Amino acid sequence: MVHPLRFDRDDPVLARVRAICLALPGAQERISHGRPWFCTRTGFAVYGGTLRGDTSTAFDTALLVRADPQERPALLAGTRFFEPAYLWPSGWVGMDLSPAGTDWTEVSELVETSYRLTAPRRLVQELDARR
C-alpha cells in the first residue's frame, strides 16, 4: 500500500532534524507510511506521528525516538512529550517540536540516545571515535 506523503519536503524543522540524524554514522533517510524515518539497520527517529489512543491527533512537527528506559517516565511527565501511536510499546516517545524555543541540544541528545539503542555496535564505536 502506497501512503501519501505526510510532510512538507521544505519544512525548516524537518531540515534541522534531518541534519542531526544524518550526521550520525551510517544513518539514512527513507520514507515509510508517508513519513521520514531515519535508520541504520532499524529506525531510530521518525519525523511526525500521532497520539496513542487518538490517531486523529497528528503532530506534523514531532520527533519520535526510542527513549532510554530509565529516562522515559521523566520525559513523558513533561508537557512536550507524548506516547506515539503504534510505537509506544517498544519504548518510543514523541516530542512536539512546534512550540517556539525548542531546545535543539536536547533534540540532539534524544536522537543520539535512540541511535545508540538501535545502531549496530560498530557504528556506535565509530560515533564514539569521532568524539
N, C-alpha and C. Protein backbone atom coordinates (compact mmCIF):
# COMPACT_ATOMS: atom_id res chain seq x y z
N MET A 1 0.84 -1.18 0.00
CA MET A 1 0.00 0.00 0.00
C MET A 1 0.88 1.24 0.00
N VAL A 2 0.64 2.14 -0.92
CA VAL A 2 1.38 3.39 -1.00
C VAL A 2 0.67 4.43 -0.15
N HIS A 3 1.42 5.03 0.77
CA HIS A 3 0.87 6.06 1.64
C HIS A 3 1.19 7.43 1.07
N PRO A 4 0.27 8.38 1.19
CA PRO A 4 0.57 9.75 0.75
C PRO A 4 1.63 10.37 1.66
N LEU A 5 2.42 11.29 1.12
CA LEU A 5 3.41 11.98 1.93
C LEU A 5 2.68 12.80 2.99
N ARG A 6 3.16 12.72 4.22
CA ARG A 6 2.53 13.42 5.33
C ARG A 6 3.47 14.46 5.91
N PHE A 7 4.26 15.06 5.03
CA PHE A 7 5.20 16.09 5.46
C PHE A 7 5.52 16.98 4.27
N ASP A 8 6.03 18.16 4.57
CA ASP A 8 6.45 19.13 3.57
C ASP A 8 7.96 19.00 3.40
N ARG A 9 8.41 18.69 2.22
CA ARG A 9 9.85 18.49 1.98
C ARG A 9 10.67 19.74 2.33
N ASP A 10 10.05 20.92 2.29
CA ASP A 10 10.75 22.17 2.58
C ASP A 10 10.57 22.64 4.02
N ASP A 11 10.04 21.80 4.88
CA ASP A 11 9.81 22.15 6.28
C ASP A 11 11.15 22.46 6.96
N PRO A 12 11.33 23.67 7.52
CA PRO A 12 12.60 24.02 8.15
C PRO A 12 12.88 23.20 9.42
N VAL A 13 11.84 22.78 10.12
CA VAL A 13 12.04 21.94 11.31
C VAL A 13 12.57 20.57 10.87
N LEU A 14 11.98 20.01 9.82
CA LEU A 14 12.47 18.75 9.27
C LEU A 14 13.93 18.89 8.83
N ALA A 15 14.28 20.01 8.24
CA ALA A 15 15.66 20.22 7.80
C ALA A 15 16.63 20.14 8.98
N ARG A 16 16.26 20.70 10.13
CA ARG A 16 17.12 20.63 11.31
C ARG A 16 17.20 19.19 11.84
N VAL A 17 16.06 18.52 11.89
CA VAL A 17 16.04 17.12 12.34
C VAL A 17 16.89 16.27 11.40
N ARG A 18 16.74 16.48 10.12
CA ARG A 18 17.50 15.72 9.12
C ARG A 18 19.00 15.92 9.32
N ALA A 19 19.42 17.14 9.55
CA ALA A 19 20.86 17.43 9.73
C ALA A 19 21.39 16.71 10.97
N ILE A 20 20.62 16.68 12.04
CA ILE A 20 21.04 16.00 13.26
C ILE A 20 21.15 14.49 13.01
N CYS A 21 20.13 13.92 12.41
CA CYS A 21 20.09 12.47 12.20
C CYS A 21 21.13 11.98 11.21
N LEU A 22 21.25 12.67 10.08
CA LEU A 22 22.15 12.19 9.04
C LEU A 22 23.62 12.46 9.33
N ALA A 23 23.90 13.19 10.42
CA ALA A 23 25.29 13.40 10.84
C ALA A 23 25.83 12.17 11.58
N LEU A 24 24.97 11.24 11.92
CA LEU A 24 25.38 10.04 12.65
C LEU A 24 25.90 8.98 11.67
N PRO A 25 26.90 8.21 12.07
CA PRO A 25 27.49 7.22 11.17
C PRO A 25 26.47 6.21 10.63
N GLY A 26 26.48 6.02 9.34
CA GLY A 26 25.63 5.02 8.70
C GLY A 26 24.15 5.36 8.64
N ALA A 27 23.78 6.55 9.08
CA ALA A 27 22.37 6.94 9.10
C ALA A 27 21.86 7.21 7.68
N GLN A 28 20.63 6.80 7.45
CA GLN A 28 19.97 7.01 6.16
C GLN A 28 18.55 7.49 6.42
N GLU A 29 17.99 8.12 5.42
CA GLU A 29 16.59 8.54 5.49
C GLU A 29 15.79 7.74 4.48
N ARG A 30 14.62 7.26 4.91
CA ARG A 30 13.70 6.61 3.99
C ARG A 30 12.30 7.07 4.36
N ILE A 31 11.39 6.90 3.45
CA ILE A 31 10.00 7.27 3.69
C ILE A 31 9.23 5.99 3.98
N SER A 32 8.53 5.97 5.09
CA SER A 32 7.70 4.83 5.45
C SER A 32 6.39 5.35 6.01
N HIS A 33 5.30 4.81 5.53
CA HIS A 33 3.97 5.25 5.95
C HIS A 33 3.79 6.75 5.77
N GLY A 34 4.45 7.30 4.75
CA GLY A 34 4.30 8.71 4.42
C GLY A 34 5.14 9.66 5.24
N ARG A 35 6.00 9.13 6.11
CA ARG A 35 6.81 9.98 6.99
C ARG A 35 8.30 9.66 6.85
N PRO A 36 9.16 10.66 7.08
CA PRO A 36 10.60 10.40 7.06
C PRO A 36 11.03 9.57 8.27
N TRP A 37 11.69 8.48 8.00
CA TRP A 37 12.28 7.62 9.02
C TRP A 37 13.79 7.69 8.86
N PHE A 38 14.48 7.80 9.98
CA PHE A 38 15.93 7.82 9.97
C PHE A 38 16.38 6.51 10.62
N CYS A 39 17.30 5.82 9.93
CA CYS A 39 17.63 4.47 10.36
C CYS A 39 19.08 4.12 10.03
N THR A 40 19.53 3.06 10.68
CA THR A 40 20.74 2.35 10.27
C THR A 40 20.19 1.02 9.77
N ARG A 41 20.25 -0.04 10.57
CA ARG A 41 19.59 -1.27 10.15
C ARG A 41 18.12 -1.25 10.59
N THR A 42 17.81 -0.42 11.59
CA THR A 42 16.44 -0.24 12.06
C THR A 42 16.24 1.24 12.39
N GLY A 43 15.01 1.65 12.52
CA GLY A 43 14.73 3.06 12.76
C GLY A 43 15.16 3.55 14.13
N PHE A 44 15.65 4.80 14.15
CA PHE A 44 15.98 5.43 15.42
C PHE A 44 15.27 6.77 15.58
N ALA A 45 14.66 7.29 14.53
CA ALA A 45 13.91 8.55 14.63
C ALA A 45 12.89 8.62 13.50
N VAL A 46 11.75 9.23 13.82
CA VAL A 46 10.68 9.43 12.84
C VAL A 46 10.22 10.88 12.97
N TYR A 47 10.02 11.52 11.85
CA TYR A 47 9.52 12.90 11.87
C TYR A 47 8.01 12.87 11.65
N GLY A 48 7.28 13.27 12.68
CA GLY A 48 5.82 13.29 12.63
C GLY A 48 5.24 12.03 13.24
N GLY A 49 4.04 12.16 13.75
CA GLY A 49 3.41 11.00 14.36
C GLY A 49 2.04 11.34 14.90
N THR A 50 1.43 10.35 15.52
CA THR A 50 0.10 10.53 16.09
C THR A 50 0.11 10.09 17.55
N LEU A 51 -0.89 10.55 18.25
CA LEU A 51 -1.01 10.31 19.68
C LEU A 51 -1.58 8.92 19.95
N ARG A 52 -1.00 8.23 20.90
CA ARG A 52 -1.51 6.92 21.31
C ARG A 52 -2.96 7.06 21.76
N GLY A 53 -3.80 6.18 21.24
CA GLY A 53 -5.20 6.18 21.64
C GLY A 53 -6.07 7.16 20.88
N ASP A 54 -5.45 8.05 20.12
CA ASP A 54 -6.21 9.05 19.35
C ASP A 54 -5.44 9.35 18.07
N THR A 55 -5.49 8.41 17.14
CA THR A 55 -4.68 8.56 15.92
C THR A 55 -5.17 9.68 15.02
N SER A 56 -6.26 10.34 15.40
CA SER A 56 -6.70 11.50 14.63
C SER A 56 -5.93 12.75 15.05
N THR A 57 -5.25 12.69 16.20
CA THR A 57 -4.44 13.82 16.67
C THR A 57 -3.03 13.64 16.12
N ALA A 58 -2.73 14.37 15.07
CA ALA A 58 -1.43 14.26 14.42
C ALA A 58 -0.52 15.40 14.85
N PHE A 59 0.74 15.09 14.99
CA PHE A 59 1.77 16.08 15.28
C PHE A 59 2.69 16.09 14.06
N ASP A 60 2.48 17.04 13.18
CA ASP A 60 3.28 17.08 11.96
C ASP A 60 4.71 17.51 12.22
N THR A 61 4.93 18.27 13.27
CA THR A 61 6.29 18.68 13.62
C THR A 61 6.68 18.04 14.95
N ALA A 62 6.64 16.73 14.97
CA ALA A 62 7.06 15.98 16.14
C ALA A 62 8.23 15.09 15.76
N LEU A 63 8.99 14.73 16.75
CA LEU A 63 10.08 13.79 16.56
C LEU A 63 9.82 12.60 17.46
N LEU A 64 9.81 11.42 16.88
CA LEU A 64 9.64 10.19 17.63
C LEU A 64 10.99 9.51 17.74
N VAL A 65 11.36 9.12 18.95
CA VAL A 65 12.64 8.45 19.20
C VAL A 65 12.45 7.35 20.22
N ARG A 66 13.38 6.42 20.24
CA ARG A 66 13.40 5.42 21.31
C ARG A 66 14.10 6.06 22.50
N ALA A 67 13.44 6.01 23.63
CA ALA A 67 13.99 6.65 24.83
C ALA A 67 14.73 5.64 25.69
N ASP A 68 15.71 6.14 26.41
CA ASP A 68 16.36 5.33 27.44
C ASP A 68 15.27 4.92 28.41
N PRO A 69 15.14 3.62 28.71
CA PRO A 69 14.07 3.17 29.59
C PRO A 69 14.02 3.87 30.94
N GLN A 70 15.18 4.28 31.46
CA GLN A 70 15.21 4.96 32.75
C GLN A 70 14.77 6.42 32.63
N GLU A 71 14.94 7.02 31.47
CA GLU A 71 14.56 8.42 31.27
C GLU A 71 13.14 8.58 30.77
N ARG A 72 12.57 7.52 30.22
CA ARG A 72 11.25 7.60 29.59
C ARG A 72 10.16 8.17 30.51
N PRO A 73 10.01 7.71 31.75
CA PRO A 73 8.96 8.27 32.61
C PRO A 73 9.11 9.77 32.84
N ALA A 74 10.34 10.23 33.01
CA ALA A 74 10.56 11.67 33.23
C ALA A 74 10.22 12.47 31.97
N LEU A 75 10.55 11.93 30.81
CA LEU A 75 10.21 12.62 29.57
C LEU A 75 8.70 12.73 29.42
N LEU A 76 8.00 11.64 29.66
CA LEU A 76 6.56 11.63 29.48
C LEU A 76 5.83 12.50 30.50
N ALA A 77 6.50 12.83 31.60
CA ALA A 77 5.90 13.74 32.59
C ALA A 77 5.91 15.18 32.09
N GLY A 78 6.74 15.47 31.10
CA GLY A 78 6.81 16.82 30.53
C GLY A 78 5.65 17.09 29.58
N THR A 79 5.30 18.33 29.40
CA THR A 79 4.16 18.70 28.56
C THR A 79 4.43 18.57 27.07
N ARG A 80 5.69 18.57 26.66
CA ARG A 80 6.02 18.48 25.23
C ARG A 80 6.10 17.06 24.72
N PHE A 81 6.07 16.08 25.61
CA PHE A 81 6.26 14.69 25.22
C PHE A 81 4.95 13.92 25.26
N PHE A 82 4.87 12.87 24.45
CA PHE A 82 3.66 12.05 24.39
C PHE A 82 4.03 10.63 23.97
N GLU A 83 3.10 9.72 24.23
CA GLU A 83 3.27 8.34 23.76
C GLU A 83 2.72 8.26 22.34
N PRO A 84 3.56 7.92 21.37
CA PRO A 84 3.09 7.85 19.99
C PRO A 84 2.32 6.57 19.70
N ALA A 85 1.33 6.70 18.86
CA ALA A 85 0.55 5.53 18.44
C ALA A 85 1.48 4.50 17.81
N TYR A 86 1.16 3.25 18.03
CA TYR A 86 1.81 2.09 17.43
C TYR A 86 3.22 1.83 17.96
N LEU A 87 4.01 2.86 18.23
CA LEU A 87 5.42 2.66 18.61
C LEU A 87 5.66 2.67 20.11
N TRP A 88 4.71 3.15 20.89
CA TRP A 88 4.93 3.28 22.33
C TRP A 88 5.28 1.97 23.04
N PRO A 89 4.73 0.81 22.62
CA PRO A 89 5.08 -0.42 23.36
C PRO A 89 6.57 -0.76 23.25
N SER A 90 7.23 -0.24 22.23
CA SER A 90 8.66 -0.52 22.04
C SER A 90 9.54 0.53 22.70
N GLY A 91 8.94 1.40 23.51
CA GLY A 91 9.73 2.38 24.25
C GLY A 91 9.92 3.72 23.56
N TRP A 92 9.18 3.96 22.48
CA TRP A 92 9.30 5.22 21.77
C TRP A 92 8.54 6.32 22.50
N VAL A 93 9.03 7.55 22.38
CA VAL A 93 8.32 8.73 22.86
C VAL A 93 8.29 9.75 21.72
N GLY A 94 7.30 10.63 21.77
CA GLY A 94 7.21 11.71 20.81
C GLY A 94 7.48 13.03 21.49
N MET A 95 8.13 13.93 20.77
CA MET A 95 8.41 15.28 21.27
C MET A 95 7.84 16.27 20.28
N ASP A 96 6.95 17.13 20.76
CA ASP A 96 6.36 18.15 19.90
C ASP A 96 7.39 19.25 19.67
N LEU A 97 7.77 19.45 18.41
CA LEU A 97 8.77 20.46 18.06
C LEU A 97 8.14 21.77 17.60
N SER A 98 6.82 21.88 17.68
CA SER A 98 6.17 23.09 17.17
C SER A 98 6.29 24.31 18.08
N PRO A 99 6.40 24.16 19.40
CA PRO A 99 6.49 25.36 20.23
C PRO A 99 7.78 26.13 19.95
N ALA A 100 7.68 27.44 20.07
CA ALA A 100 8.88 28.27 19.94
C ALA A 100 9.82 27.91 21.08
N GLY A 101 11.08 28.04 20.84
CA GLY A 101 12.06 27.77 21.88
C GLY A 101 12.44 26.31 22.03
N THR A 102 12.30 25.52 20.97
CA THR A 102 12.73 24.12 21.02
C THR A 102 14.20 24.08 21.38
N ASP A 103 14.54 23.24 22.31
CA ASP A 103 15.92 23.07 22.75
C ASP A 103 16.58 22.05 21.82
N TRP A 104 17.32 22.54 20.83
CA TRP A 104 17.90 21.66 19.83
C TRP A 104 19.05 20.81 20.39
N THR A 105 19.64 21.25 21.49
CA THR A 105 20.64 20.41 22.16
C THR A 105 19.95 19.18 22.73
N GLU A 106 18.79 19.39 23.35
CA GLU A 106 18.02 18.26 23.88
C GLU A 106 17.59 17.33 22.76
N VAL A 107 17.15 17.89 21.65
CA VAL A 107 16.75 17.07 20.50
C VAL A 107 17.93 16.21 20.04
N SER A 108 19.10 16.83 19.92
CA SER A 108 20.29 16.08 19.50
C SER A 108 20.62 14.96 20.48
N GLU A 109 20.49 15.22 21.77
CA GLU A 109 20.78 14.20 22.78
C GLU A 109 19.78 13.05 22.70
N LEU A 110 18.50 13.36 22.49
CA LEU A 110 17.49 12.31 22.37
C LEU A 110 17.72 11.46 21.12
N VAL A 111 18.07 12.11 20.02
CA VAL A 111 18.37 11.38 18.79
C VAL A 111 19.58 10.47 19.00
N GLU A 112 20.62 10.99 19.63
CA GLU A 112 21.81 10.18 19.85
C GLU A 112 21.51 8.98 20.76
N THR A 113 20.73 9.20 21.79
CA THR A 113 20.36 8.09 22.68
C THR A 113 19.62 7.01 21.90
N SER A 114 18.66 7.43 21.09
CA SER A 114 17.89 6.48 20.29
C SER A 114 18.80 5.74 19.31
N TYR A 115 19.70 6.47 18.69
CA TYR A 115 20.66 5.87 17.77
C TYR A 115 21.50 4.80 18.49
N ARG A 116 22.00 5.13 19.67
CA ARG A 116 22.83 4.20 20.44
C ARG A 116 22.05 2.94 20.84
N LEU A 117 20.75 3.09 21.04
CA LEU A 117 19.92 1.94 21.42
C LEU A 117 19.62 1.02 20.24
N THR A 118 19.77 1.52 19.02
CA THR A 118 19.35 0.75 17.85
C THR A 118 20.45 0.43 16.85
N ALA A 119 21.49 1.23 16.81
CA ALA A 119 22.53 1.06 15.78
C ALA A 119 23.43 -0.13 16.09
N PRO A 120 24.00 -0.73 15.05
CA PRO A 120 24.99 -1.80 15.26
C PRO A 120 26.19 -1.28 16.07
N ARG A 121 26.78 -2.17 16.82
CA ARG A 121 27.89 -1.81 17.70
C ARG A 121 29.02 -1.08 16.96
N ARG A 122 29.33 -1.53 15.75
CA ARG A 122 30.45 -0.90 15.03
C ARG A 122 30.16 0.56 14.70
N LEU A 123 28.88 0.90 14.44
CA LEU A 123 28.52 2.30 14.17
C LEU A 123 28.57 3.14 15.45
N VAL A 124 28.18 2.55 16.56
CA VAL A 124 28.28 3.27 17.85
C VAL A 124 29.75 3.50 18.18
N GLN A 125 30.60 2.52 17.90
CA GLN A 125 32.03 2.69 18.12
C GLN A 125 32.60 3.79 17.22
N GLU A 126 32.11 3.85 15.98
CA GLU A 126 32.54 4.91 15.06
C GLU A 126 32.12 6.27 15.60
N LEU A 127 30.89 6.37 16.13
CA LEU A 127 30.44 7.63 16.72
C LEU A 127 31.33 8.01 17.90
N ASP A 128 31.64 7.06 18.76
CA ASP A 128 32.50 7.34 19.92
C ASP A 128 33.88 7.79 19.47
N ALA A 129 34.41 7.21 18.40
CA ALA A 129 35.74 7.58 17.91
C ALA A 129 35.76 9.00 17.37
N ARG A 130 34.63 9.49 16.90
CA ARG A 130 34.55 10.88 16.40
C ARG A 130 34.64 11.89 17.53
N ARG A 131 34.30 11.48 18.72
CA ARG A 131 34.21 12.41 19.85
C ARG A 131 35.54 12.66 20.48
